[in-house]
C-alpha atoms as a PDB file:
ATOM      1  CA  UNK A   1     144.514 115.462  33.907  1.00  0.00           C
ATOM      2  CA  UNK A   2     142.712 112.239  33.051  1.00  0.00           C
ATOM      3  CA  UNK A   3     140.164 110.947  30.513  1.00  0.00           C
ATOM      4  CA  UNK A   4     137.129 109.038  31.335  1.00  0.00           C
ATOM      5  CA  UNK A   5     135.237 106.843  28.987  1.00  0.00           C
ATOM      6  CA  UNK A   6     132.581 104.123  29.141  1.00  0.00           C
ATOM      7  CA  UNK A   7     133.335 100.630  28.093  1.00  0.00           C
ATOM      8  CA  UNK A   8     131.232  97.510  27.454  1.00  0.00           C
ATOM      9  CA  UNK A   9     133.010  95.139  29.837  1.00  0.00           C
ATOM     10  CA  UNK A  10     131.243  92.082  28.516  1.00  0.00           C
ATOM     11  CA  UNK A  11     128.254  91.454  26.349  1.00  0.00           C
ATOM     12  CA  UNK A  12     125.021  91.797  28.223  1.00  0.00           C
ATOM     13  CA  UNK A  13     122.460  94.352  29.714  1.00  0.00           C
ATOM     14  CA  UNK A  14     123.007  97.939  30.677  1.00  0.00           C
ATOM     15  CA  UNK A  15     124.890  96.992  33.859  1.00  0.00           C
ATOM     16  CA  UNK A  16     127.874  95.828  31.736  1.00  0.00           C
ATOM     17  CA  UNK A  17     128.676  99.497  30.918  1.00  0.00           C
ATOM     18  CA  UNK A  18     131.410 100.698  33.184  1.00  0.00           C
ATOM     19  CA  UNK A  19     133.393 103.918  33.418  1.00  0.00           C
ATOM     20  CA  UNK A  20     137.216 103.787  33.293  1.00  0.00           C
ATOM     21  CA  UNK A  21     139.754 106.435  33.854  1.00  0.00           C
ATOM     22  CA  UNK A  22     142.994 106.687  32.001  1.00  0.00           C
ATOM     23  CA  UNK A  23     145.621 109.175  30.811  1.00  0.00           C
ATOM     24  CA  UNK A  24     144.485 111.709  28.206  1.00  0.00           C
ATOM     25  CA  UNK A  25     144.848 110.366  24.668  1.00  0.00           C
ATOM     26  CA  UNK A  26     147.386 112.200  22.509  1.00  0.00           C
ATOM     27  CA  UNK A  27     146.678 113.181  18.945  1.00  0.00           C
ATOM     28  CA  UNK A  28     148.777 111.581  16.290  1.00  0.00           C
ATOM     29  CA  UNK A  29     149.735 112.840  12.769  1.00  0.00           C
ATOM     30  CA  UNK A  30     146.822 114.462  11.059  1.00  0.00           C
ATOM     31  CA  UNK A  31     144.609 114.179  14.237  1.00  0.00           C
ATOM     32  CA  UNK A  32     142.982 116.472  16.612  1.00  0.00           C
ATOM     33  CA  UNK A  33     141.904 115.892  20.231  1.00  0.00           C
ATOM     34  CA  UNK A  34     138.322 116.731  20.935  1.00  0.00           C
ATOM     35  CA  UNK A  35     136.866 117.576  24.348  1.00  0.00           C
ATOM     36  CA  UNK A  36     133.532 116.057  23.995  1.00  0.00           C
ATOM     37  CA  UNK A  37     130.545 118.123  25.348  1.00  0.00           C
ATOM     38  CA  UNK A  38     127.773 115.830  24.117  1.00  0.00           C
ATOM     39  CA  UNK A  39     127.538 112.266  22.825  1.00  0.00           C
ATOM     40  CA  UNK A  40     124.551 110.627  21.328  1.00  0.00           C
ATOM     41  CA  UNK A  41     122.995 107.304  22.415  1.00  0.00           C
ATOM     42  CA  UNK A  42     121.608 105.017  19.654  1.00  0.00           C
ATOM     43  CA  UNK A  43     119.740 101.753  19.535  1.00  0.00           C
ATOM     44  CA  UNK A  44     122.789 100.351  17.607  1.00  0.00           C
ATOM     45  CA  UNK A  45     124.849 101.071  20.789  1.00  0.00           C
ATOM     46  CA  UNK A  46     122.536  98.736  22.732  1.00  0.00           C
ATOM     47  CA  UNK A  47     122.803  96.017  19.953  1.00  0.00           C
ATOM     48  CA  UNK A  48     126.618  96.256  20.170  1.00  0.00           C
ATOM     49  CA  UNK A  49     126.323  96.058  24.023  1.00  0.00           C
ATOM     50  CA  UNK A  50     124.307  92.861  23.533  1.00  0.00           C
ATOM     51  CA  UNK A  51     126.881  91.468  20.980  1.00  0.00           C
ATOM     52  CA  UNK A  52     124.191  91.129  18.226  1.00  0.00           C
ATOM     53  CA  UNK A  53     125.208  93.998  15.915  1.00  0.00           C
ATOM     54  CA  UNK A  54     127.257  92.951  12.844  1.00  0.00           C
ATOM     55  CA  UNK A  55     130.887  93.704  13.213  1.00  0.00           C
ATOM     56  CA  UNK A  56     130.734  94.374  16.976  1.00  0.00           C
ATOM     57  CA  UNK A  57     134.282  94.065  18.513  1.00  0.00           C
ATOM     58  CA  UNK A  58     135.155  91.772  21.376  1.00  0.00           C
ATOM     59  CA  UNK A  59     134.803  93.574  24.811  1.00  0.00           C
ATOM     60  CA  UNK A  60     136.173  95.821  26.306  1.00  0.00           C
ATOM     61  CA  UNK A  61     135.315  98.614  23.826  1.00  0.00           C
ATOM     62  CA  UNK A  62     133.722 102.031  23.949  1.00  0.00           C
ATOM     63  CA  UNK A  63     130.509 102.450  22.084  1.00  0.00           C
ATOM     64  CA  UNK A  64     129.105 105.681  20.459  1.00  0.00           C
ATOM     65  CA  UNK A  65     128.584 107.238  17.150  1.00  0.00           C
ATOM     66  CA  UNK A  66     127.917 110.928  17.434  1.00  0.00           C
ATOM     67  CA  UNK A  67     129.696 113.721  19.399  1.00  0.00           C
ATOM     68  CA  UNK A  68     129.920 117.529  19.512  1.00  0.00           C
ATOM     69  CA  UNK A  69     132.828 119.150  21.328  1.00  0.00           C
ATOM     70  CA  UNK A  70     135.817 121.378  21.107  1.00  0.00           C
ATOM     71  CA  UNK A  71     139.347 120.832  19.649  1.00  0.00           C
ATOM     72  CA  UNK A  72     141.680 121.175  22.493  1.00  0.00           C
ATOM     73  CA  UNK A  73     144.981 119.751  21.073  1.00  0.00           C
ATOM     74  CA  UNK A  74     146.295 118.986  17.622  1.00  0.00           C
ATOM     75  CA  UNK A  75     148.817 116.555  16.207  1.00  0.00           C
ATOM     76  CA  UNK A  76     151.498 116.937  13.499  1.00  0.00           C
ATOM     77  CA  UNK A  77     150.237 118.437  10.300  1.00  0.00           C
ATOM     78  CA  UNK A  78     147.053 120.014  11.879  1.00  0.00           C
ATOM     79  CA  UNK A  79     146.841 123.769  12.087  1.00  0.00           C
ATOM     80  CA  UNK A  80     147.105 125.119  15.546  1.00  0.00           C
ATOM     81  CA  UNK A  81     144.515 127.753  14.828  1.00  0.00           C
ATOM     82  CA  UNK A  82     141.846 124.923  15.078  1.00  0.00           C
ATOM     83  CA  UNK A  83     142.391 124.726  18.856  1.00  0.00           C
ATOM     84  CA  UNK A  84     139.294 126.048  20.412  1.00  0.00           C
ATOM     85  CA  UNK A  85     136.960 125.484  17.493  1.00  0.00           C
ATOM     86  CA  UNK A  86     133.637 123.718  18.093  1.00  0.00           C
ATOM     87  CA  UNK A  87     133.165 120.688  15.869  1.00  0.00           C
ATOM     88  CA  UNK A  88     130.667 117.725  15.246  1.00  0.00           C
ATOM     89  CA  UNK A  89     131.782 114.218  14.170  1.00  0.00           C
ATOM     90  CA  UNK A  90     130.411 110.812  13.460  1.00  0.00           C
ATOM     91  CA  UNK A  91     132.355 107.586  14.090  1.00  0.00           C
ATOM     92  CA  UNK A  92     131.720 103.944  13.063  1.00  0.00           C
ATOM     93  CA  UNK A  93     129.885 103.157  16.330  1.00  0.00           C
ATOM     94  CA  UNK A  94     132.904 102.958  18.456  1.00  0.00           C
ATOM     95  CA  UNK A  95     134.395 105.600  20.753  1.00  0.00           C
ATOM     96  CA  UNK A  96     131.837 108.253  21.330  1.00  0.00           C
ATOM     97  CA  UNK A  97     131.114 107.603  25.005  1.00  0.00           C
ATOM     98  CA  UNK A  98     134.216 109.548  26.385  1.00  0.00           C
ATOM     99  CA  UNK A  99     135.302 113.005  27.630  1.00  0.00           C
ATOM    100  CA  UNK A 100     138.225 113.180  25.098  1.00  0.00           C
ATOM    101  CA  UNK A 101     138.713 111.450  21.924  1.00  0.00           C
ATOM    102  CA  UNK A 102     141.333 111.745  19.167  1.00  0.00           C
ATOM    103  CA  UNK A 103     140.053 111.763  15.508  1.00  0.00           C
ATOM    104  CA  UNK A 104     141.409 112.468  12.025  1.00  0.00           C
ATOM    105  CA  UNK A 105     141.162 116.229  11.501  1.00  0.00           C
ATOM    106  CA  UNK A 106     139.353 115.359   8.125  1.00  0.00           C
ATOM    107  CA  UNK A 107     136.427 113.866  10.015  1.00  0.00           C
ATOM    108  CA  UNK A 108     135.702 117.060  12.013  1.00  0.00           C
ATOM    109  CA  UNK A 109     133.069 119.439  10.747  1.00  0.00           C
ATOM    110  CA  UNK A 110     132.724 123.038  12.052  1.00  0.00           C
ATOM    111  CA  UNK A 111     129.793 123.769  14.349  1.00  0.00           C
ATOM    112  CA  UNK A 112     127.918 127.013  14.085  1.00  0.00           C
ATOM    113  CA  UNK A 113     128.249 128.899  17.311  1.00  0.00           C
ATOM    114  CA  UNK A 114     124.651 129.627  17.769  1.00  0.00           C
ATOM    115  CA  UNK A 115     123.296 126.277  17.675  1.00  0.00           C
ATOM    116  CA  UNK A 116     122.244 124.249  20.908  1.00  0.00           C
ATOM    117  CA  UNK A 117     124.718 121.398  21.464  1.00  0.00           C
ATOM    118  CA  UNK A 118     122.130 118.753  22.394  1.00  0.00           C
ATOM    119  CA  UNK A 119     120.078 119.582  19.247  1.00  0.00           C
ATOM    120  CA  UNK A 120     123.299 119.544  17.086  1.00  0.00           C
ATOM    121  CA  UNK A 121     124.438 116.078  18.345  1.00  0.00           C
ATOM    122  CA  UNK A 122     121.148 114.805  17.048  1.00  0.00           C
ATOM    123  CA  UNK A 123     122.107 115.736  13.492  1.00  0.00           C
ATOM    124  CA  UNK A 124     125.268 113.673  13.008  1.00  0.00           C
ATOM    125  CA  UNK A 125     123.609 110.307  13.088  1.00  0.00           C
ATOM    126  CA  UNK A 126     119.825 110.661  13.359  1.00  0.00           C
ATOM    127  CA  UNK A 127     119.071 113.518  10.985  1.00  0.00           C
ATOM    128  CA  UNK A 128     121.701 112.626   8.346  1.00  0.00           C
ATOM    129  CA  UNK A 129     120.116 109.105   8.278  1.00  0.00           C
ATOM    130  CA  UNK A 130     116.693 110.520   7.853  1.00  0.00           C
ATOM    131  CA  UNK A 131     117.723 113.117   5.309  1.00  0.00           C
ATOM    132  CA  UNK A 132     119.549 110.518   3.076  1.00  0.00           C
ATOM    133  CA  UNK A 133     116.807 108.007   3.190  1.00  0.00           C
ATOM    134  CA  UNK A 134     114.141 110.725   2.283  1.00  0.00           C
ATOM    135  CA  UNK A 135     116.159 112.448  -0.346  1.00  0.00           C
ATOM    136  CA  UNK A 136     119.128 110.238  -1.667  1.00  0.00           C
ATOM    137  CA  UNK A 137     117.220 106.906  -1.598  1.00  0.00           C
ATOM    138  CA  UNK A 138     113.447 107.374  -1.727  1.00  0.00           C
ATOM    139  CA  UNK A 139     113.903 110.751  -3.594  1.00  0.00           C
ATOM    140  CA  UNK A 140     110.598 112.144  -2.333  1.00  0.00           C
ATOM    141  CA  UNK A 141     108.858 115.292  -3.453  1.00  0.00           C
ATOM    142  CA  UNK A 142     106.231 117.564  -1.990  1.00  0.00           C
ATOM    143  CA  UNK A 143     102.984 115.748  -1.504  1.00  0.00           C
ATOM    144  CA  UNK A 144     104.619 112.217  -1.405  1.00  0.00           C
ATOM    145  CA  UNK A 145     103.285 109.814   1.207  1.00  0.00           C
ATOM    146  CA  UNK A 146     105.361 107.887   3.708  1.00  0.00           C
ATOM    147  CA  UNK A 147     104.970 105.410   6.479  1.00  0.00           C
ATOM    148  CA  UNK A 148     107.411 105.882   9.319  1.00  0.00           C
ATOM    149  CA  UNK A 149     107.866 103.061  11.774  1.00  0.00           C
ATOM    150  CA  UNK A 150     109.245 103.911  15.366  1.00  0.00           C
ATOM    151  CA  UNK A 151     108.062 107.453  14.589  1.00  0.00           C
ATOM    152  CA  UNK A 152     108.711 108.714  18.083  1.00  0.00           C
ATOM    153  CA  UNK A 153     112.318 107.571  18.286  1.00  0.00           C
ATOM    154  CA  UNK A 154     115.463 109.378  17.446  1.00  0.00           C
ATOM    155  CA  UNK A 155     115.511 108.807  13.701  1.00  0.00           C
ATOM    156  CA  UNK A 156     111.683 108.657  13.564  1.00  0.00           C
ATOM    157  CA  UNK A 157     111.306 112.141  14.901  1.00  0.00           C
ATOM    158  CA  UNK A 158     113.977 113.213  12.516  1.00  0.00           C
ATOM    159  CA  UNK A 159     111.923 111.803   9.723  1.00  0.00           C
ATOM    160  CA  UNK A 160     108.826 113.580  10.856  1.00  0.00           C
ATOM    161  CA  UNK A 161     110.723 116.894  11.180  1.00  0.00           C
ATOM    162  CA  UNK A 162     112.313 116.683   7.816  1.00  0.00           C
ATOM    163  CA  UNK A 163     109.287 115.249   6.228  1.00  0.00           C
ATOM    164  CA  UNK A 164     107.167 118.209   7.543  1.00  0.00           C
ATOM    165  CA  UNK A 165     109.778 120.627   6.096  1.00  0.00           C
ATOM    166  CA  UNK A 166     109.618 118.774   2.680  1.00  0.00           C
ATOM    167  CA  UNK A 167     105.778 118.896   2.637  1.00  0.00           C
ATOM    168  CA  UNK A 168     105.089 115.093   2.815  1.00  0.00           C
ATOM    169  CA  UNK A 169     102.005 113.234   3.744  1.00  0.00           C
ATOM    170  CA  UNK A 170     103.001 111.186   6.795  1.00  0.00           C
ATOM    171  CA  UNK A 171     101.743 108.168   8.678  1.00  0.00           C
ATOM    172  CA  UNK A 172     103.560 106.827  11.716  1.00  0.00           C
ATOM    173  CA  UNK A 173     103.565 103.959  14.060  1.00  0.00           C
ATOM    174  CA  UNK A 174     104.041 104.578  17.729  1.00  0.00           C
ATOM    175  CA  UNK A 175     102.412 103.600  21.153  1.00  0.00           C
ATOM    176  CA  UNK A 176      99.266 105.675  21.984  1.00  0.00           C
ATOM    177  CA  UNK A 177     101.177 107.714  24.725  1.00  0.00           C
ATOM    178  CA  UNK A 178     103.273 109.235  22.008  1.00  0.00           C
ATOM    179  CA  UNK A 179     100.674 110.049  19.429  1.00  0.00           C
ATOM    180  CA  UNK A 180     100.743 113.763  20.432  1.00  0.00           C
ATOM    181  CA  UNK A 181     104.320 114.019  19.037  1.00  0.00           C
ATOM    182  CA  UNK A 182     103.253 112.706  15.517  1.00  0.00           C
ATOM    183  CA  UNK A 183     100.310 115.147  15.649  1.00  0.00           C
ATOM    184  CA  UNK A 184     102.716 117.975  16.151  1.00  0.00           C
ATOM    185  CA  UNK A 185     104.271 117.258  12.842  1.00  0.00           C
ATOM    186  CA  UNK A 186     100.992 116.708  10.961  1.00  0.00           C
ATOM    187  CA  UNK A 187     101.423 112.873  10.911  1.00  0.00           C
ATOM    188  CA  UNK A 188      98.539 110.433  11.199  1.00  0.00           C
ATOM    189  CA  UNK A 189      99.365 108.150  14.210  1.00  0.00           C
ATOM    190  CA  UNK A 190      98.763 104.440  14.269  1.00  0.00           C
ATOM    191  CA  UNK A 191      98.900 102.543  17.640  1.00  0.00           C
ATOM    192  CA  UNK A 192     101.109  99.537  16.624  1.00  0.00           C
ATOM    193  CA  UNK A 193     100.305  97.852  20.030  1.00  0.00           C
ATOM    194  CA  UNK A 194      96.643  97.650  19.480  1.00  0.00           C
ATOM    195  CA  UNK A 195      96.182  97.928  15.537  1.00  0.00           C
ATOM    196  CA  UNK A 196      97.339  95.959  12.780  1.00  0.00           C
ATOM    197  CA  UNK A 197      99.222  98.632  10.921  1.00  0.00           C
ATOM    198  CA  UNK A 198      98.857  96.998   7.413  1.00  0.00           C
ATOM    199  CA  UNK A 199      95.235  96.797   7.814  1.00  0.00           C
ATOM    200  CA  UNK A 200      94.941 100.366   9.098  1.00  0.00           C
ATOM    201  CA  UNK A 201      96.948 101.620   6.270  1.00  0.00           C
ATOM    202  CA  UNK A 202      94.649  99.887   3.749  1.00  0.00           C
ATOM    203  CA  UNK A 203      91.942 102.163   5.257  1.00  0.00           C
ATOM    204  CA  UNK A 204      94.045 105.280   5.415  1.00  0.00           C
ATOM    205  CA  UNK A 205      95.873 105.085   2.096  1.00  0.00           C
ATOM    206  CA  UNK A 206      94.253 102.248  -0.028  1.00  0.00           C
ATOM    207  CA  UNK A 207      96.419 103.159  -2.970  1.00  0.00           C
ATOM    208  CA  UNK A 208      99.554 102.553  -0.877  1.00  0.00           C
ATOM    209  CA  UNK A 209     102.351 104.973   0.099  1.00  0.00           C
ATOM    210  CA  UNK A 210     105.286 106.108  -1.866  1.00  0.00           C
ATOM    211  CA  UNK A 211     107.949 105.078   0.883  1.00  0.00           C
ATOM    212  CA  UNK A 212     108.187 103.039   3.949  1.00  0.00           C
ATOM    213  CA  UNK A 213     110.987 103.476   6.497  1.00  0.00           C
ATOM    214  CA  UNK A 214     111.370 100.437   8.799  1.00  0.00           C
ATOM    215  CA  UNK A 215     114.050 100.074  11.546  1.00  0.00           C
ATOM    216  CA  UNK A 216     112.435  96.930  13.105  1.00  0.00           C
ATOM    217  CA  UNK A 217     112.907  93.956  10.597  1.00  0.00           C
ATOM    218  CA  UNK A 218     111.532  90.579  10.745  1.00  0.00           C
ATOM    219  CA  UNK A 219     107.886  90.106  10.222  1.00  0.00           C
ATOM    220  CA  UNK A 220     107.421  93.963  10.225  1.00  0.00           C
ATOM    221  CA  UNK A 221     109.318  94.219   7.113  1.00  0.00           C
ATOM    222  CA  UNK A 222     107.071  91.723   5.250  1.00  0.00           C
ATOM    223  CA  UNK A 223     103.968  93.537   6.464  1.00  0.00           C
ATOM    224  CA  UNK A 224     105.503  96.889   5.429  1.00  0.00           C
ATOM    225  CA  UNK A 225     105.793  95.635   1.899  1.00  0.00           C
ATOM    226  CA  UNK A 226     102.117  95.290   1.765  1.00  0.00           C
ATOM    227  CA  UNK A 227     101.617  99.095   2.380  1.00  0.00           C
ATOM    228  CA  UNK A 228     103.623 100.338  -0.628  1.00  0.00           C
ATOM    229  CA  UNK A 229     102.004 101.432  -3.924  1.00  0.00           C
ATOM    230  CA  UNK A 230     103.287 100.001  -7.106  1.00  0.00           C
ATOM    231  CA  UNK A 231     106.620 101.840  -7.850  1.00  0.00           C
ATOM    232  CA  UNK A 232     107.080 102.737  -4.197  1.00  0.00           C
ATOM    233  CA  UNK A 233     110.277 102.390  -2.217  1.00  0.00           C
ATOM    234  CA  UNK A 234     111.123 100.353   0.956  1.00  0.00           C
ATOM    235  CA  UNK A 235     114.017 101.464   3.079  1.00  0.00           C
ATOM    236  CA  UNK A 236     115.198  99.120   5.892  1.00  0.00           C
ATOM    237  CA  UNK A 237     117.672 100.644   8.347  1.00  0.00           C
ATOM    238  CA  UNK A 238     117.764  98.436  11.375  1.00  0.00           C
ATOM    239  CA  UNK A 239     116.451  95.217  12.853  1.00  0.00           C
ATOM    240  CA  UNK A 240     115.439  96.103  16.469  1.00  0.00           C
ATOM    241  CA  UNK A 241     113.264  93.236  16.615  1.00  0.00           C
ATOM    242  CA  UNK A 242     116.224  90.986  17.154  1.00  0.00           C
ATOM    243  CA  UNK A 243     116.578  92.646  20.739  1.00  0.00           C
ATOM    244  CA  UNK A 244     113.032  91.464  21.712  1.00  0.00           C
ATOM    245  CA  UNK A 245     113.024  88.525  24.170  1.00  0.00           C
ATOM    246  CA  UNK A 246     110.232  87.177  22.063  1.00  0.00           C
ATOM    247  CA  UNK A 247     112.391  86.964  18.890  1.00  0.00           C
ATOM    248  CA  UNK A 248     112.936  83.256  17.888  1.00  0.00           C
ATOM    249  CA  UNK A 249     115.810  81.768  16.071  1.00  0.00           C
ATOM    250  CA  UNK A 250     113.471  81.358  13.214  1.00  0.00           C
ATOM    251  CA  UNK A 251     112.764  85.077  13.220  1.00  0.00           C
ATOM    252  CA  UNK A 252     116.374  85.914  13.347  1.00  0.00           C
ATOM    253  CA  UNK A 253     117.123  83.599  10.335  1.00  0.00           C
ATOM    254  CA  UNK A 254     114.198  85.039   8.425  1.00  0.00           C
ATOM    255  CA  UNK A 255     115.545  88.607   9.037  1.00  0.00           C
ATOM    256  CA  UNK A 256     119.066  87.720   7.739  1.00  0.00           C
ATOM    257  CA  UNK A 257     117.588  86.130   4.690  1.00  0.00           C
ATOM    258  CA  UNK A 258     115.438  89.293   4.002  1.00  0.00           C
ATOM    259  CA  UNK A 259     118.397  91.536   4.535  1.00  0.00           C
ATOM    260  CA  UNK A 260     120.616  89.366   2.175  1.00  0.00           C
ATOM    261  CA  UNK A 261     117.887  89.179  -0.458  1.00  0.00           C
ATOM    262  CA  UNK A 262     117.153  92.900  -0.555  1.00  0.00           C
ATOM    263  CA  UNK A 263     120.851  93.878  -0.465  1.00  0.00           C
ATOM    264  CA  UNK A 264     121.589  91.739  -3.489  1.00  0.00           C
ATOM    265  CA  UNK A 265     118.493  92.444  -5.611  1.00  0.00           C
ATOM    266  CA  UNK A 266     117.451  95.912  -4.411  1.00  0.00           C
ATOM    267  CA  UNK A 267     113.858  94.783  -4.640  1.00  0.00           C
ATOM    268  CA  UNK A 268     111.074  93.618  -2.434  1.00  0.00           C
ATOM    269  CA  UNK A 269     109.448  90.310  -3.174  1.00  0.00           C
ATOM    270  CA  UNK A 270     106.668  92.382  -4.982  1.00  0.00           C
ATOM    271  CA  UNK A 271     109.178  94.098  -7.208  1.00  0.00           C
ATOM    272  CA  UNK A 272     109.399  97.516  -5.487  1.00  0.00           C
ATOM    273  CA  UNK A 273     112.661  99.299  -5.042  1.00  0.00           C
ATOM    274  CA  UNK A 274     114.252  98.277  -1.667  1.00  0.00           C
ATOM    275  CA  UNK A 275     117.331  99.612   0.110  1.00  0.00           C
ATOM    276  CA  UNK A 276     119.136  98.458   3.104  1.00  0.00           C
ATOM    277  CA  UNK A 277     120.529 101.698   4.590  1.00  0.00           C
ATOM    278  CA  UNK A 278     123.661 102.017   6.649  1.00  0.00           C
ATOM    279  CA  UNK A 279     125.005 105.488   7.304  1.00  0.00           C
ATOM    280  CA  UNK A 280     128.482 104.372   8.305  1.00  0.00           C
ATOM    281  CA  UNK A 281     128.748 102.311   5.114  1.00  0.00           C
ATOM    282  CA  UNK A 282     127.470 105.114   2.906  1.00  0.00           C
ATOM    283  CA  UNK A 283     129.774 107.647   4.768  1.00  0.00           C
ATOM    284  CA  UNK A 284     132.578 105.449   3.846  1.00  0.00           C
ATOM    285  CA  UNK A 285     131.623 105.067   0.132  1.00  0.00           C
ATOM    286  CA  UNK A 286     130.385 108.629  -0.386  1.00  0.00           C
ATOM    287  CA  UNK A 287     132.076 110.833   2.090  1.00  0.00           C
ATOM    288  CA  UNK A 288     131.246 113.938   0.222  1.00  0.00           C
ATOM    289  CA  UNK A 289     127.508 113.227   0.671  1.00  0.00           C
ATOM    290  CA  UNK A 290     127.877 113.060   4.447  1.00  0.00           C
ATOM    291  CA  UNK A 291     129.565 116.417   4.771  1.00  0.00           C
ATOM    292  CA  UNK A 292     127.277 118.060   2.181  1.00  0.00           C
ATOM    293  CA  UNK A 293     124.064 116.778   3.936  1.00  0.00           C
ATOM    294  CA  UNK A 294     125.217 117.448   7.488  1.00  0.00           C
ATOM    295  CA  UNK A 295     126.220 121.023   6.472  1.00  0.00           C
ATOM    296  CA  UNK A 296     122.800 121.568   5.004  1.00  0.00           C
ATOM    297  CA  UNK A 297     121.273 120.237   8.283  1.00  0.00           C
ATOM    298  CA  UNK A 298     123.376 122.545  10.401  1.00  0.00           C
ATOM    299  CA  UNK A 299     122.352 125.485   8.383  1.00  0.00           C
ATOM    300  CA  UNK A 300     118.621 124.584   8.862  1.00  0.00           C
ATOM    301  CA  UNK A 301     119.217 124.128  12.608  1.00  0.00           C
ATOM    302  CA  UNK A 302     120.900 127.632  12.830  1.00  0.00           C
ATOM    303  CA  UNK A 303     117.960 129.024  10.891  1.00  0.00           C
ATOM    304  CA  UNK A 304     115.406 126.955  13.208  1.00  0.00           C
ATOM    305  CA  UNK A 305     113.874 125.343  10.220  1.00  0.00           C
ATOM    306  CA  UNK A 306     114.301 122.067  12.042  1.00  0.00           C
ATOM    307  CA  UNK A 307     113.918 121.324  15.772  1.00  0.00           C
ATOM    308  CA  UNK A 308     115.480 118.092  17.103  1.00  0.00           C
ATOM    309  CA  UNK A 309     113.683 116.597  20.063  1.00  0.00           C
ATOM    310  CA  UNK A 310     115.999 115.664  23.032  1.00  0.00           C
ATOM    311  CA  UNK A 311     114.340 112.989  25.093  1.00  0.00           C
ATOM    312  CA  UNK A 312     116.667 113.211  28.192  1.00  0.00           C
ATOM    313  CA  UNK A 313     120.245 113.916  28.931  1.00  0.00           C
ATOM    314  CA  UNK A 314     122.376 111.701  31.370  1.00  0.00           C
ATOM    315  CA  UNK A 315     125.906 112.251  32.753  1.00  0.00           C
ATOM    316  CA  UNK A 316     128.534 110.265  31.039  1.00  0.00           C
ATOM    317  CA  UNK A 317     128.923 108.209  34.303  1.00  0.00           C
ATOM    318  CA  UNK A 318     125.246 107.239  34.028  1.00  0.00           C
ATOM    319  CA  UNK A 319     125.462 105.657  30.594  1.00  0.00           C
ATOM    320  CA  UNK A 320     124.027 102.429  32.025  1.00  0.00           C
ATOM    321  CA  UNK A 321     120.969 104.487  33.043  1.00  0.00           C
ATOM    322  CA  UNK A 322     120.748 105.971  29.575  1.00  0.00           C
ATOM    323  CA  UNK A 323     120.624 102.490  28.085  1.00  0.00           C
ATOM    324  CA  UNK A 324     117.918 101.392  30.711  1.00  0.00           C
ATOM    325  CA  UNK A 325     115.858 104.388  29.576  1.00  0.00           C
ATOM    326  CA  UNK A 326     116.431 103.489  25.871  1.00  0.00           C
ATOM    327  CA  UNK A 327     115.110  99.935  26.545  1.00  0.00           C
ATOM    328  CA  UNK A 328     112.103 101.131  28.388  1.00  0.00           C
ATOM    329  CA  UNK A 329     110.612 102.540  25.182  1.00  0.00           C
ATOM    330  CA  UNK A 330     109.829 105.683  27.087  1.00  0.00           C
ATOM    331  CA  UNK A 331     111.967 107.941  25.089  1.00  0.00           C
ATOM    332  CA  UNK A 332     110.793 110.483  22.578  1.00  0.00           C
ATOM    333  CA  UNK A 333     113.627 111.827  20.375  1.00  0.00           C
ATOM    334  CA  UNK A 334     117.273 111.590  21.048  1.00  0.00           C
ATOM    335  CA  UNK A 335     118.964 110.414  24.233  1.00  0.00           C
ATOM    336  CA  UNK A 336     122.103 112.323  25.018  1.00  0.00           C
ATOM    337  CA  UNK A 337     125.167 112.001  27.339  1.00  0.00           C
ATOM    338  CA  UNK A 338     126.719 115.022  28.921  1.00  0.00           C
ATOM    339  CA  UNK A 339     130.452 114.372  28.893  1.00  0.00           C
ATOM    340  CA  UNK A 340     132.252 117.664  29.687  1.00  0.00           C
ATOM    341  CA  UNK A 341     130.908 121.116  30.332  1.00  0.00           C
ATOM    342  CA  UNK A 342     131.306 123.522  27.425  1.00  0.00           C
END
């Protein structure tokens, strides 16, 4: 029996993703081997593939953050009774695109039997990110107003879903073809391709919003600052603008400068609270938060209080096609890889 996993053979476009076959990994002390049913695809995976994400290893490496699967073997010190249990896990952006993976038993969180696997894998990265930005950083209450950039993406739709549950007033940027998704969650949609979102927000919410969530970076961040009310909160959680062919070296330097400034001062240039959010960093620093928040989300999923949107599922061998789909901006919600049948 062999394992299959996807590797980044060299930095570049989707075509650098290759499938390799190798012996099954064996769990070490304190580890369990997980048969991976579903793995999530994230924008950060594409950035690692391009070699532009901070801390990206040298190729070859296997990308992937989030998985759901079943424990099929255990190492020394791990209870045999865990074999056959369904679990969900998050890694530090490396390893998820595989049929089998060995992880520390402490990193595995039980998965309720009744939940849909494709919906569940959306929680480990996207929904925990959204939950923590909303509630642990911006600390929003019912009736608070928010601006969500990339509102039709994986984290964007998670913010919409959780924002609706929390009773927030929501505005979101997305291409016109995706505005129906925002309307489903009660959000006011802004066509970022044909409208100046800052000017539109001055019309929609002249007093400003309580929080902005921005995964884009660069000039978009600086325009986002203008939409905040005094005492509002800015949360930057990515810099996808760096992937744009139009991104200049000046834009990239400016993004790094903004990132560094807000990381150090925790403030926008206007004096509002600012946070640079990284789930993997926060999980390392506050592991109890991660387990607590994911457990709450799994409970809501089982109760059907939240409904993750799955954009499309691809076989593991077609990871390159999944990345092409990701870069096409056609996706609404979470892109998933099917690794092994459950």
